[in-house]
């Protein structure tokens, strides 16, 4: 599995890309289990009030979270490109320019990953 992480404005968002042969989470809305690559990550957006207070560039921003929408892909390149775009989009929703987001990809052994 790959951990794909975006960092900007003093905050971080990390999603998981399950690769061919790994067991992705199974729940309502999950993609077909035959998809070789499955991306799962939170989605959020800025709200005027309520939500969770998050510090972004030293300012408090109210953020509401949506249920993660897992997405299935045929190739690793498609999956990582979509994951990077997804992460940059989440930061843009709270006022951070997409180009200001530093995205890193880290291989995580399935055996050392947290239990699902």
Protein backbone atom coordinates (compact mmCIF):
# COMPACT_ATOMS: atom_id res chain seq x y z
CA UNK A 1 0.00 0.00 0.00
CA UNK A 2 1.05 3.56 -0.59
CA UNK A 3 0.47 6.47 1.77
CA UNK A 4 -0.01 9.60 -0.31
CA UNK A 5 0.36 12.72 1.78
CA UNK A 6 -0.20 16.39 1.05
CA UNK A 7 1.23 19.13 3.26
CA UNK A 8 0.56 22.86 3.13
CA UNK A 9 -0.40 25.70 5.42
CA UNK A 10 0.82 23.80 8.48
CA UNK A 11 -1.61 20.93 8.00
CA UNK A 12 -1.46 17.47 6.44
CA UNK A 13 -3.87 15.16 4.63
CA UNK A 14 -2.98 11.50 4.06
CA UNK A 15 -4.83 8.94 1.97
CA UNK A 16 -4.16 5.28 1.22
CA UNK A 17 -3.69 3.64 -2.16
CA UNK A 18 -4.24 -0.11 -1.98
CA UNK A 19 -2.30 -1.91 -4.68
CA UNK A 20 -2.94 -5.05 -6.68
CA UNK A 21 -3.30 -8.05 -4.38
CA UNK A 22 -3.93 -6.02 -1.22
CA UNK A 23 -7.31 -6.04 0.49
CA UNK A 24 -8.94 -2.63 0.32
CA UNK A 25 -11.63 -1.67 2.85
CA UNK A 26 -15.06 -3.08 2.15
CA UNK A 27 -18.08 -0.92 2.86
CA UNK A 28 -21.06 0.60 1.12
CA UNK A 29 -19.86 2.60 -1.86
CA UNK A 30 -16.51 0.83 -2.12
CA UNK A 31 -15.40 0.14 -5.69
CA UNK A 32 -15.56 -3.28 -7.25
CA UNK A 33 -13.10 -5.48 -5.36
CA UNK A 34 -11.63 -6.48 -8.72
CA UNK A 35 -10.17 -2.98 -9.18
CA UNK A 36 -6.37 -3.44 -9.06
CA UNK A 37 -5.82 -0.08 -7.31
CA UNK A 38 -8.14 1.52 -4.76
CA UNK A 39 -7.70 5.07 -3.42
CA UNK A 40 -9.32 6.03 -0.09
CA UNK A 41 -9.01 9.50 1.46
CA UNK A 42 -11.07 12.00 3.44
CA UNK A 43 -12.86 14.81 1.69
CA UNK A 44 -13.49 18.16 3.35
CA UNK A 45 -14.49 21.74 2.69
CA UNK A 46 -14.56 25.06 4.51
CA UNK A 47 -17.73 26.13 6.34
CA UNK A 48 -18.70 29.42 8.00
CA UNK A 49 -19.50 27.80 11.37
CA UNK A 50 -19.58 24.38 12.94
CA UNK A 51 -17.42 21.55 11.70
CA UNK A 52 -13.93 21.03 13.06
CA UNK A 53 -11.55 23.92 13.68
CA UNK A 54 -8.27 23.42 11.81
CA UNK A 55 -5.24 25.74 11.89
CA UNK A 56 -4.24 26.67 8.34
CA UNK A 57 -1.42 29.17 7.79
CA UNK A 58 -1.83 30.24 11.43
CA UNK A 59 -5.55 31.02 11.08
CA UNK A 60 -8.49 29.01 12.34
CA UNK A 61 -10.63 27.52 9.57
CA UNK A 62 -13.88 25.62 10.14
CA UNK A 63 -13.81 22.40 8.15
CA UNK A 64 -16.60 19.88 7.51
CA UNK A 65 -15.72 16.32 6.51
CA UNK A 66 -17.53 14.10 4.03
CA UNK A 67 -17.46 10.31 4.03
CA UNK A 68 -14.44 8.99 2.13
CA UNK A 69 -15.33 7.96 -1.41
CA UNK A 70 -13.10 5.05 -2.42
CA UNK A 71 -12.19 5.02 -6.09
CA UNK A 72 -10.94 2.13 -8.19
CA UNK A 73 -8.34 2.39 -10.98
CA UNK A 74 -6.82 0.07 -13.56
CA UNK A 75 -3.23 1.32 -13.34
CA UNK A 76 -0.92 2.64 -10.66
CA UNK A 77 -0.21 5.78 -12.72
CA UNK A 78 -3.94 6.56 -12.99
CA UNK A 79 -4.40 5.98 -9.27
CA UNK A 80 -1.46 8.12 -8.11
CA UNK A 81 -2.38 10.97 -10.49
CA UNK A 82 -5.97 10.93 -9.22
CA UNK A 83 -4.75 10.76 -5.60
CA UNK A 84 -2.49 13.79 -6.05
CA UNK A 85 -5.32 15.71 -7.73
CA UNK A 86 -7.72 14.73 -4.94
CA UNK A 87 -5.34 15.95 -2.24
CA UNK A 88 -4.66 19.26 -4.01
CA UNK A 89 -8.43 19.75 -4.46
CA UNK A 90 -9.08 19.27 -0.73
CA UNK A 91 -6.52 21.95 0.14
CA UNK A 92 -7.99 24.30 -2.49
CA UNK A 93 -11.37 23.91 -0.77
CA UNK A 94 -9.88 25.52 2.36
CA UNK A 95 -8.14 28.33 0.52
CA UNK A 96 -4.69 26.90 -0.25
CA UNK A 97 -3.38 27.10 -3.81
CA UNK A 98 -2.96 23.65 -5.37
CA UNK A 99 0.62 24.47 -6.38
CA UNK A 100 1.50 25.19 -2.72
CA UNK A 101 0.71 21.60 -1.68
CA UNK A 102 3.72 19.31 -1.34
CA UNK A 103 2.70 15.74 -2.15
CA UNK A 104 4.80 12.76 -1.08
CA UNK A 105 4.32 9.04 -1.67
CA UNK A 106 5.53 6.50 0.87
CA UNK A 107 5.45 2.71 0.53
CA UNK A 108 3.89 1.08 3.59
CA UNK A 109 4.21 -2.65 4.21
CA UNK A 110 0.81 -4.24 4.67
CA UNK A 111 2.13 -6.15 7.69
CA UNK A 112 3.10 -2.92 9.49
CA UNK A 113 -0.04 -1.01 8.58
CA UNK A 114 -2.68 -0.34 11.20
CA UNK A 115 -5.47 -2.94 11.36
CA UNK A 116 -8.64 -2.16 9.43
